[in-house]
Amino acid sequence: MKIRTLTSVLLITLVITQFYPVQTQAAVTLAKSEKQAEMVNTVLNNEISSIRYSKTDDKVRVVFDLNETTQYEIKPLDNGYIMVDFSEPINKRYVNGININDSSVPFVEIYSDRKMSCAVIQVTDGSAYESGELSGPRRLYVDISKDYEYSITKNLELGLTQISYYSRKNGERQSAQLVEVDPKYFKFAPVLGGGDKMAKNTVKAMSDYAGASVAENASYFGDGKELYGVTKIAGDMVSSMYLTRTAFGVLADGSPYIGPVSYHGVVHSDKGDLFVSGLNGTRGTNSVMLYNHYYGTSTGTNNNGTEYVVKNDKIVAINKGNSPLRKDETVVSVTGEAQKILNGLKVGDTLQIEQTLNEPWNDATDILGVGPLLVKDGQVDITSAQEQIGVDVTGAKAPRTAVGILKNGNVMFAVLDGRQAHSKGMMLDEFARFLIGMEVVDAVNFDGGGSSELVINGKIVNSPSDGRQRPVATALTAIRR
């Protein structure tokens, strides 16, 4: 009985296998498909279920909850954003993105389908970031630093390199534009507001006049034509200063140089010698003022003095005031005691004008005296007290302009924005340290504040704090040889 039953089972099995082989295979395939479907459904059910963020003074952290099977890739985008690709979808409640509402990281964009997703973290300042994983449960974090410092370098042409600098430290932003210029390919020349005459004009206008590749504002100035500082252009003296202040210039051998410059002027006559009060400035009631063609078409003085027009050490004309100014002629305009001393001189008499500078400036071709010194031999060396620079320059964070010399002999034009949301500005010592960080070994401060402006190839590349270009007295330019 037992054997017969087993035999019957075997026979039945044999019959089933013989007559229904296709159906049996289909059943097996169906079972496998159901199992695979179950596995697929399990995968599809995995998702990035939660995204959180936190904000502190120095960073923003974005956290993604991961599954054990989650794969991801983090990569920066060209616009400074950060993209995180996931192998799983993100929960649909985040479909509209995440509003972080921070000035550095305002928003996280979410893109997701049923299989994969990505999160794009908006970063406004190109800030540095770092990422890592946390366990128990598994989480991915992305930390975006609110403090950053970076430069973008662009080679504009042979011998000309632009450096754009950006930083944020302790919530304070700074933005600067710099240009490194190789003297082998460019010459450096001061330009007056009126081109070849003393006047006020924008840096861009002066750059256009000179056909310059680079130009930045330079000298301090007052009302009218007043220009404060020793200025020399193409070997000609243009203005003087009664104080010793730091200057940038080009020496006789063509090399750029930064150092203190002092002016000394004497008028020699048979009646006696007179010390010069100034060159191309406002004549006082008891002064000896020299004028040349850089001042304009005439001295513009009243008739309260005496003016001796001198050419080749000889008096060629004598006027009471408002003498014409011609090239190769100098007007000695005297009032007060000097007027009494020279009284009686006639046309044809000798009147010698001696103007000297301290070494090595006498033979220099071009000079812009501004100040104070900022950097000497790679160290902060601010001489504002010695140079009697006022608190309007030294007393607050402000836009800054400077020119420096690098160790390789190249010249660095530098303009720092200030008094704006994107750039606070710096104190002089901060600015000096910033320049040292840019590998400057010697540097002199130029007029700053609303005057600060840098023009490259005819385009203004910084943001003047006045919201417009301010007319200034001089610009330092780099002109291709």
Protein backbone atom coordinates (compact mmCIF):
# COMPACT_ATOMS: atom_id res chain seq x y z
CA MET A 1 0.00 0.00 0.00
CA LYS A 2 2.71 2.32 0.89
CA ILE A 3 4.78 1.46 -2.18
CA ARG A 4 1.74 1.73 -4.44
CA THR A 5 0.97 5.25 -3.19
CA LEU A 6 4.56 6.45 -3.80
CA THR A 7 4.47 4.96 -7.27
CA SER A 8 1.24 6.76 -7.99
CA VAL A 9 2.80 10.07 -6.92
CA LEU A 10 5.79 9.54 -9.13
CA LEU A 11 3.56 8.67 -12.05
CA ILE A 12 1.42 11.74 -11.50
CA THR A 13 4.50 13.94 -11.27
CA LEU A 14 5.88 12.43 -14.44
CA VAL A 15 2.63 13.05 -16.27
CA ILE A 16 2.47 16.66 -15.11
CA THR A 17 6.08 17.30 -16.10
CA GLN A 18 5.61 15.60 -19.45
CA PHE A 19 2.42 17.34 -20.47
CA TYR A 20 2.86 20.85 -18.83
CA PRO A 21 6.58 21.75 -19.11
CA VAL A 22 5.93 25.33 -20.46
CA GLN A 23 3.42 26.14 -17.78
CA THR A 24 5.85 25.08 -15.05
CA GLN A 25 8.61 27.34 -16.45
CA ALA A 26 6.18 30.23 -16.63
CA ALA A 27 5.30 29.77 -12.98
CA VAL A 28 8.95 29.88 -12.01
CA THR A 29 9.50 33.01 -14.12
CA LEU A 30 6.46 34.64 -12.56
CA ALA A 31 7.77 33.94 -9.10
CA LYS A 32 11.11 35.49 -9.98
CA SER A 33 9.45 38.56 -11.46
CA GLU A 34 7.38 39.05 -8.35
CA LYS A 35 10.52 38.85 -6.25
CA GLN A 36 12.30 41.38 -8.45
CA ALA A 37 9.32 43.68 -8.36
CA GLU A 38 9.39 43.48 -4.60
CA MET A 39 13.09 44.42 -4.61
CA VAL A 40 12.46 47.33 -7.04
CA ASN A 41 9.63 48.59 -4.87
CA THR A 42 11.96 48.44 -1.89
CA VAL A 43 14.55 50.56 -3.75
CA LEU A 44 11.91 53.02 -4.91
CA ASN A 45 10.71 53.42 -1.37
CA ASN A 46 14.21 54.61 -0.31
CA GLU A 47 14.50 58.38 -0.44
CA ILE A 48 16.20 61.38 1.11
CA SER A 49 13.55 61.80 3.74
CA SER A 50 14.78 64.85 5.61
CA ILE A 51 16.86 67.98 4.90
CA ARG A 52 17.82 70.38 7.67
CA TYR A 53 20.04 73.45 8.03
CA SER A 54 21.61 75.57 10.74
CA LYS A 55 23.20 79.02 10.74
CA THR A 56 25.99 80.46 12.88
CA ASP A 57 28.12 83.58 12.59
CA ASP A 58 30.81 81.78 10.60
CA LYS A 59 28.98 79.15 8.54
CA VAL A 60 25.77 77.62 7.19
CA ARG A 61 25.35 73.82 7.52
CA VAL A 62 22.96 71.82 5.31
CA VAL A 63 22.28 68.20 6.43
CA PHE A 64 20.74 65.40 4.33
CA ASP A 65 19.45 62.18 5.94
CA LEU A 66 20.80 59.21 3.95
CA ASN A 67 19.93 55.53 3.61
CA GLU A 68 22.57 52.82 3.80
CA THR A 69 22.39 52.44 0.01
CA THR A 70 22.47 56.18 -0.86
CA GLN A 71 25.18 57.26 -3.23
CA TYR A 72 26.01 60.92 -3.87
CA GLU A 73 28.43 63.27 -5.61
CA ILE A 74 29.23 66.88 -4.62
CA LYS A 75 30.55 69.33 -7.18
CA PRO A 76 30.88 73.13 -7.41
CA LEU A 77 29.22 74.94 -10.32
CA ASP A 78 30.70 77.79 -12.36
CA ASN A 79 28.44 80.35 -10.70
CA GLY A 80 29.71 79.40 -7.23
CA TYR A 81 26.72 77.22 -6.36
CA ILE A 82 27.20 73.73 -4.92
CA MET A 83 25.35 70.76 -6.48
CA VAL A 84 24.76 67.46 -4.67
CA ASP A 85 23.60 64.55 -6.86
CA PHE A 86 21.80 61.63 -5.13
CA SER A 87 21.06 58.09 -6.36
CA GLU A 88 17.62 58.29 -4.72
CA PRO A 89 14.71 60.73 -4.87
CA ILE A 90 14.13 63.50 -2.34
CA ASN A 91 10.90 63.57 -0.39
CA LYS A 92 8.28 65.53 -2.32
CA ARG A 93 7.65 67.93 0.56
CA TYR A 94 10.91 69.65 -0.45
CA VAL A 95 9.84 70.08 -4.08
CA ASN A 96 9.63 73.89 -3.70
CA GLY A 97 13.10 74.16 -2.28
CA ILE A 98 14.35 75.30 1.10
CA ASN A 99 14.51 78.99 2.04
CA ILE A 100 17.58 79.39 4.27
CA ASN A 101 17.33 83.19 4.07
CA ASP A 102 20.99 83.87 4.78
CA SER A 103 22.99 86.52 2.92
CA SER A 104 25.67 83.94 2.08
CA VAL A 105 23.37 80.94 1.44
CA PRO A 106 19.86 82.17 0.63
CA PHE A 107 18.20 79.07 -0.85
CA VAL A 108 18.50 75.36 -1.73
CA GLU A 109 16.90 74.30 -5.02
CA ILE A 110 15.53 70.72 -5.25
CA TYR A 111 15.21 68.64 -8.43
CA SER A 112 13.83 65.10 -8.07
CA ASP A 113 12.09 62.27 -9.95
CA ARG A 114 11.18 58.70 -8.87
CA LYS A 115 14.72 57.42 -9.27
CA MET A 116 17.25 60.14 -8.48
CA SER A 117 17.58 63.76 -7.41
CA CYS A 118 19.89 66.69 -6.82
CA ALA A 119 20.06 69.66 -4.47
CA VAL A 120 21.64 72.94 -5.61
CA ILE A 121 22.85 75.08 -2.71
CA GLN A 122 22.89 78.73 -3.70
CA VAL A 123 26.06 80.49 -2.53
CA THR A 124 26.29 84.23 -3.12
CA ASP A 125 29.94 84.90 -2.35
CA GLY A 126 31.83 81.98 -3.82
CA SER A 127 32.51 80.80 -0.29
CA ALA A 128 34.63 77.79 0.49
CA TYR A 129 32.83 74.66 1.66
CA GLU A 130 33.59 71.28 3.17
CA SER A 131 31.51 68.12 3.50
CA GLY A 132 31.47 64.87 5.41
CA GLU A 133 29.33 62.10 6.86
CA LEU A 134 27.84 61.56 10.28
CA SER A 135 26.69 58.17 11.58
CA GLY A 136 23.84 56.87 13.72
CA PRO A 137 21.85 57.51 11.53
CA ARG A 138 23.82 58.13 8.34
CA ARG A 139 23.83 61.80 7.34
CA LEU A 140 25.66 64.00 4.84
CA TYR A 141 26.58 67.54 5.86
CA VAL A 142 27.78 70.44 3.70
CA ASP A 143 29.32 73.37 5.59
CA ILE A 144 29.51 76.67 3.69
CA SER A 145 31.90 79.13 5.30
CA LYS A 146 30.75 82.70 5.66
CA ASP A 147 34.41 83.79 5.88
CA TYR A 148 36.30 83.57 2.63
CA GLU A 149 39.27 85.07 0.83
CA TYR A 150 40.17 84.43 -2.78
CA SER A 151 41.60 86.07 -5.88
CA ILE A 152 40.88 85.64 -9.56
CA THR A 153 43.88 86.23 -11.83
CA LYS A 154 43.50 87.07 -15.51
CA ASN A 155 46.32 87.60 -17.99
CA LEU A 156 45.04 90.49 -20.10
CA GLU A 157 47.97 90.83 -22.48
CA LEU A 158 51.73 90.54 -22.50
CA GLY A 159 53.03 92.22 -19.36
CA LEU A 160 49.59 92.98 -17.92
CA THR A 161 47.81 90.83 -15.32
CA GLN A 162 44.56 91.72 -13.54
CA ILE A 163 43.86 90.41 -10.04
CA SER A 164 40.34 90.59 -8.59
CA TYR A 165 40.30 90.13 -4.81
CA TYR A 166 37.31 89.25 -2.61
CA SER A 167 37.07 88.47 1.09
CA ARG A 168 34.65 88.26 3.98
CA LYS A 169 35.99 88.13 7.52
CA ASN A 170 33.83 88.42 10.62
CA GLY A 171 30.96 89.56 8.44
CA GLU A 172 33.00 92.34 6.79
CA ARG A 173 33.37 92.18 3.02
CA GLN A 174 36.25 93.61 0.99
CA SER A 175 36.69 93.90 -2.77
CA ALA A 176 39.77 95.12 -4.59
CA GLN A 177 41.06 95.34 -8.14
CA LEU A 178 44.77 95.18 -8.87
CA VAL A 179 46.90 95.18 -12.00
CA GLU A 180 50.47 93.91 -12.20
CA VAL A 181 52.42 95.74 -14.90
CA ASP A 182 55.78 94.72 -16.34
CA PRO A 183 58.04 97.78 -16.99
CA LYS A 184 59.65 95.97 -19.91
CA TYR A 185 56.45 96.42 -21.88
CA PHE A 186 54.91 99.53 -20.32
CA LYS A 187 56.06 103.01 -19.32
CA PHE A 188 54.58 104.86 -16.34
CA ALA A 189 53.46 108.46 -16.76
CA PRO A 190 51.51 110.96 -14.65
CA VAL A 191 48.64 112.64 -16.50
CA LEU A 192 47.00 115.93 -15.49
CA GLY A 193 43.26 116.47 -15.41
CA GLY A 194 43.52 118.77 -18.41
CA GLY A 195 45.82 116.41 -20.27
CA ASP A 196 48.86 118.68 -20.37
CA LYS A 197 47.25 121.34 -18.13
CA MET A 198 46.32 121.39 -14.45
CA ALA A 199 42.58 120.81 -14.07
CA LYS A 200 40.11 118.29 -12.61
CA ASN A 201 38.86 115.37 -14.65
CA THR A 202 37.85 111.74 -14.31
CA VAL A 203 40.43 108.98 -14.33
CA LYS A 204 38.77 107.48 -17.39
CA ALA A 205 39.08 110.77 -19.27
CA MET A 206 42.77 110.98 -18.39
CA SER A 207 43.26 107.35 -19.41
CA ASP A 208 41.58 108.03 -22.75
CA TYR A 209 43.68 111.16 -23.27
CA ALA A 210 46.93 109.23 -22.73
CA GLY A 211 45.82 106.08 -24.58
CA ALA A 212 46.70 104.17 -21.42
CA SER A 213 46.21 100.49 -20.73
CA VAL A 214 45.91 101.17 -16.98
CA ALA A 215 45.12 104.32 -15.00
CA GLU A 216 44.34 105.11 -11.37
CA ASN A 217 43.82 108.32 -9.41
CA ALA A 218 46.91 109.69 -7.71
CA SER A 219 47.45 113.12 -6.09
CA TYR A 220 45.70 115.00 -3.31
CA PHE A 221 44.05 118.18 -4.52
CA GLY A 222 42.08 121.23 -3.40
CA ASP A 223 39.65 123.66 -4.97
CA GLY A 224 40.30 125.04 -8.41
CA LYS A 225 43.65 123.94 -9.80
CA GLU A 226 45.25 123.17 -6.44
CA LEU A 227 47.49 120.11 -6.67
CA TYR A 228 49.22 118.96 -3.47
CA GLY A 229 52.53 117.18 -3.90
CA VAL A 230 55.70 117.16 -5.96
CA THR A 231 54.83 116.33 -9.56
CA LYS A 232 57.20 115.91 -12.48
CA ILE A 233 56.19 114.93 -16.01
CA ALA A 234 58.62 114.01 -18.78
CA GLY A 235 61.44 115.83 -16.96
CA ASP A 236 59.46 119.03 -16.26
CA MET A 237 58.50 120.19 -12.79
CA VAL A 238 54.72 120.66 -12.53
CA SER A 239 53.99 121.21 -8.82
CA SER A 240 55.78 121.41 -5.49
CA MET A 241 55.16 120.66 -1.81
CA TYR A 242 56.63 122.33 1.25
CA LEU A 243 56.60 118.99 3.12
CA THR A 244 58.67 115.89 2.48
CA ARG A 245 56.27 113.16 1.39
CA THR A 246 56.52 109.76 -0.25
CA ALA A 247 56.41 109.56 -4.03
CA PHE A 248 56.28 107.05 -6.83
CA GLY A 249 58.32 107.80 -9.90
CA VAL A 250 60.56 106.67 -12.71
CA LEU A 251 64.30 107.19 -12.32
CA ALA A 252 66.71 108.19 -15.07
CA ASP A 253 67.46 104.54 -15.87
CA GLY A 254 63.75 103.83 -16.36
CA SER A 255 63.27 101.85 -13.16
CA PRO A 256 60.25 102.47 -10.89
CA TYR A 257 61.07 103.81 -7.45
CA ILE A 258 59.25 104.70 -4.21
CA GLY A 259 60.80 107.00 -1.63
CA PRO A 260 60.60 110.40 0.10
CA VAL A 261 60.76 113.50 -2.09
CA SER A 262 61.43 117.08 -1.02
CA TYR A 263 61.42 120.26 -3.09
CA HIS A 264 63.72 123.28 -2.81
CA GLY A 265 63.47 126.35 -5.01
CA VAL A 266 65.54 129.54 -5.15
CA VAL A 267 65.37 132.59 -7.41
CA HIS A 268 68.80 134.20 -7.89
CA SER A 269 69.07 137.90 -8.82
CA ASP A 270 71.44 140.81 -8.53
CA LYS A 271 69.05 142.17 -5.89
CA GLY A 272 69.35 139.05 -3.76
CA ASP A 273 68.15 135.48 -3.53
CA LEU A 274 64.56 134.52 -2.77
CA PHE A 275 63.23 131.17 -1.59
CA VAL A 276 60.40 129.85 -3.72
CA SER A 277 57.05 129.48 -1.93
CA GLY A 278 55.64 127.08 -4.47
CA LEU A 279 55.17 126.05 -8.09
CA ASN A 280 51.85 126.42 -9.90
CA GLY A 281 49.88 127.18 -6.75
CA THR A 282 47.79 130.01 -5.37
CA ARG A 283 49.83 133.17 -4.86
CA GLY A 284 49.65 134.62 -1.36
CA THR A 285 50.12 138.15 -0.09
CA ASN A 286 53.80 137.63 0.72
CA SER A 287 55.14 134.95 -1.55
CA VAL A 288 57.35 133.91 -4.45
CA MET A 289 55.27 131.69 -6.72
CA LEU A 290 56.51 130.13 -9.94
CA TYR A 291 54.22 129.41 -12.87
CA ASN A 292 54.77 127.48 -16.11
CA HIS A 293 52.60 126.35 -19.02
CA TYR A 294 51.25 123.32 -17.09
CA TYR A 295 49.22 125.74 -14.94
CA GLY A 296 47.15 126.92 -17.89
CA THR A 297 47.16 129.74 -20.40
CA SER A 298 47.87 132.45 -17.80
CA THR A 299 48.68 132.91 -14.12
CA GLY A 300 45.17 134.19 -13.36
CA THR A 301 46.58 136.50 -10.68
CA ASN A 302 45.39 140.02 -9.76
CA ASN A 303 47.45 143.19 -10.17
CA ASN A 304 48.69 143.35 -6.57
CA GLY A 305 52.09 141.83 -7.37
CA THR A 306 54.85 141.89 -9.92
CA GLU A 307 55.45 139.09 -12.43
CA TYR A 308 58.73 138.53 -14.23
CA VAL A 309 58.53 136.38 -17.33
CA VAL A 310 61.82 134.45 -17.60
CA LYS A 311 63.29 132.57 -20.55
CA ASN A 312 66.84 131.21 -20.62
CA ASP A 313 67.61 132.99 -17.32
CA LYS A 314 66.64 136.39 -18.76
CA ILE A 315 63.63 138.57 -18.03
CA VAL A 316 61.63 138.90 -21.26
CA ALA A 317 58.56 140.70 -19.85
CA ILE A 318 57.30 142.30 -16.63
CA ASN A 319 53.59 142.41 -15.72
CA LYS A 320 51.47 143.31 -12.72
CA GLY A 321 49.40 140.13 -12.93
CA ASN A 322 47.67 137.53 -15.11
CA SER A 323 50.75 136.91 -17.23
CA PRO A 324 50.45 134.61 -20.28
CA LEU A 325 52.07 131.20 -19.83
CA ARG A 326 54.09 129.79 -22.72
CA LYS A 327 56.23 126.72 -23.10
CA ASP A 328 59.92 127.30 -22.29
CA GLU A 329 59.00 130.29 -20.14
CA THR A 330 58.57 130.59 -16.37
CA VAL A 331 56.79 133.40 -14.54
CA VAL A 332 58.19 134.54 -11.18
CA SER A 333 55.21 136.11 -9.40
CA VAL A 334 56.12 138.03 -6.24
CA THR A 335 54.19 139.90 -3.56
CA GLY A 336 55.06 141.55 -0.24
CA GLU A 337 58.72 141.66 0.79
CA ALA A 338 59.89 139.76 -2.30
CA GLN A 339 58.21 142.37 -4.48
CA LYS A 340 60.22 145.09 -2.74
CA ILE A 341 63.51 143.19 -3.06
CA LEU A 342 63.19 142.67 -6.82
CA ASN A 343 61.89 146.16 -7.48
CA GLY A 344 63.94 147.85 -10.17
CA LEU A 345 64.71 144.78 -12.28
CA LYS A 346 64.28 145.40 -16.01
CA VAL A 347 63.64 143.38 -19.14
CA GLY A 348 66.94 141.81 -20.15
CA ASP A 349 68.20 141.44 -16.58
CA THR A 350 69.31 138.05 -15.31
CA LEU A 351 66.94 136.06 -13.15
CA GLN A 352 67.95 132.49 -12.49
CA ILE A 353 65.48 129.90 -11.22
CA GLU A 354 66.87 126.88 -9.39
CA GLN A 355 64.60 123.96 -8.51
CA THR A 356 66.13 120.90 -6.89
CA LEU A 357 64.93 117.68 -5.32
CA ASN A 358 66.59 115.26 -2.96
CA GLU A 359 68.41 112.26 -4.44
CA PRO A 360 67.67 110.20 -6.42
CA TRP A 361 64.83 112.36 -7.73
CA ASN A 362 66.72 115.17 -9.47
CA ASP A 363 67.30 113.13 -12.60
CA ALA A 364 63.97 111.29 -12.43
CA THR A 365 61.75 111.67 -15.48
CA ASP A 366 58.38 111.37 -13.71
CA ILE A 367 57.24 111.83 -10.10
CA LEU A 368 53.93 111.68 -8.23
CA GLY A 369 54.34 112.79 -4.63
CA VAL A 370 51.35 111.76 -2.50
CA GLY A 371 51.90 109.68 0.67
CA PRO A 372 52.18 108.32 3.18
CA LEU A 373 54.53 105.39 2.77
CA LEU A 374 52.71 102.11 3.43
CA VAL A 375 55.23 99.32 2.88
CA LYS A 376 59.03 99.33 2.94
CA ASP A 377 61.14 96.23 2.25
CA GLY A 378 58.13 93.98 2.66
CA GLN A 379 57.16 95.36 6.08
CA VAL A 380 54.38 97.68 7.22
CA ASP A 381 55.94 101.17 7.51
CA ILE A 382 53.33 103.92 7.69
CA THR A 383 54.76 107.43 7.89
CA SER A 384 51.53 109.43 8.12
CA ALA A 385 52.70 111.37 11.22
CA GLN A 386 56.04 112.38 9.68
CA GLU A 387 54.35 113.39 6.45
CA GLN A 388 51.59 115.29 8.28
CA ILE A 389 48.81 113.33 6.62
CA GLY A 390 45.47 114.34 8.12
CA VAL A 391 42.83 112.25 9.85
CA ASP A 392 40.63 112.53 6.77
CA VAL A 393 43.05 109.98 5.28
CA THR A 394 44.10 108.02 8.36
CA GLY A 395 41.06 108.12 10.61
CA ALA A 396 38.62 105.52 9.28
CA LYS A 397 38.04 102.52 7.05
CA ALA A 398 37.79 103.92 3.55
CA PRO A 399 38.29 103.17 -0.13
CA ARG A 400 42.02 103.11 -0.85
CA THR A 401 44.35 103.57 -3.79
CA ALA A 402 48.05 102.71 -3.88
CA VAL A 403 50.90 101.80 -6.15
CA GLY A 404 53.52 99.24 -5.19
CA ILE A 405 56.63 97.58 -6.48
CA LEU A 406 56.98 93.80 -6.41
CA LYS A 407 60.13 91.83 -5.74
CA ASN A 408 60.39 91.01 -9.45
CA GLY A 409 60.42 94.73 -10.29
CA ASN A 410 56.89 94.83 -11.67
CA VAL A 411 54.54 97.60 -10.60
CA MET A 412 51.21 96.92 -8.89
CA PHE A 413 48.28 99.31 -9.30
CA ALA A 414 45.78 98.72 -6.45
CA VAL A 415 42.30 100.10 -5.74
CA LEU A 416 40.17 98.90 -2.82
CA ASP A 417 36.44 99.69 -2.76
CA GLY A 418 34.89 100.99 0.44
CA ARG A 419 31.84 102.52 2.13
CA GLN A 420 29.61 100.04 0.29
CA ALA A 421 27.84 96.78 1.13
CA HIS A 422 30.21 94.69 -0.99
CA SER A 423 33.34 96.31 0.46
CA LYS A 424 33.81 98.08 3.78
CA GLY A 425 37.20 99.63 3.08
CA MET A 426 40.33 99.48 5.24
CA MET A 427 42.46 101.44 7.64
CA LEU A 428 45.94 102.28 6.35
CA ASP A 429 47.63 99.49 8.33
CA GLU A 430 45.09 96.94 7.06
CA PHE A 431 45.68 98.15 3.53
CA ALA A 432 49.44 97.85 3.98
CA ARG A 433 49.12 94.25 5.20
CA PHE A 434 46.80 93.50 2.29
CA LEU A 435 49.40 94.78 -0.18
CA ILE A 436 52.12 92.71 1.47
CA GLY A 437 49.84 89.69 1.02
CA MET A 438 49.86 90.55 -2.68
CA GLU A 439 53.69 90.28 -2.61
CA VAL A 440 54.32 94.03 -2.69
CA VAL A 441 57.68 95.00 -1.13
CA ASP A 442 57.37 98.81 -1.36
CA ALA A 443 54.15 100.83 -1.58
CA VAL A 444 52.90 104.39 -1.35
CA ASN A 445 49.37 105.51 -0.58
CA PHE A 446 47.50 107.60 -3.15
CA ASP A 447 44.40 109.72 -2.60
CA GLY A 448 41.48 107.48 -1.61
CA GLY A 449 37.86 107.83 -0.61
CA GLY A 450 35.49 108.81 -3.39
CA SER A 451 38.49 109.49 -5.64
CA SER A 452 39.54 105.83 -5.78
CA GLU A 453 39.16 104.59 -9.33
CA LEU A 454 40.92 102.05 -11.54
CA VAL A 455 40.56 101.95 -15.32
CA ILE A 456 41.81 99.05 -17.45
CA ASN A 457 41.72 99.34 -21.24
CA GLY A 458 39.21 102.16 -21.02
CA LYS A 459 36.84 100.39 -18.60
CA ILE A 460 36.24 101.27 -14.94
CA VAL A 461 36.76 98.00 -13.06
CA ASN A 462 36.03 99.05 -9.48
CA SER A 463 33.01 100.69 -7.85
CA PRO A 464 33.66 104.35 -6.87
CA SER A 465 32.02 105.06 -3.53
CA ASP A 466 30.33 108.27 -4.73
CA GLY A 467 28.29 106.18 -7.14
CA ARG A 468 29.90 108.12 -9.97
CA GLN A 469 33.35 109.19 -11.14
CA ARG A 470 34.88 112.01 -9.12
CA PRO A 471 36.96 114.56 -11.05
CA VAL A 472 40.53 114.45 -9.69
CA ALA A 473 43.81 116.29 -10.35
CA THR A 474 46.12 113.54 -11.63
CA ALA A 475 46.26 109.92 -12.64
CA LEU A 476 49.12 107.45 -12.83
CA THR A 477 49.00 105.62 -16.13
CA ALA A 478 50.69 102.60 -17.71
CA ILE A 479 51.17 103.03 -21.46
CA ARG A 480 52.42 100.26 -23.73
CA ARG A 481 55.88 100.97 -25.05
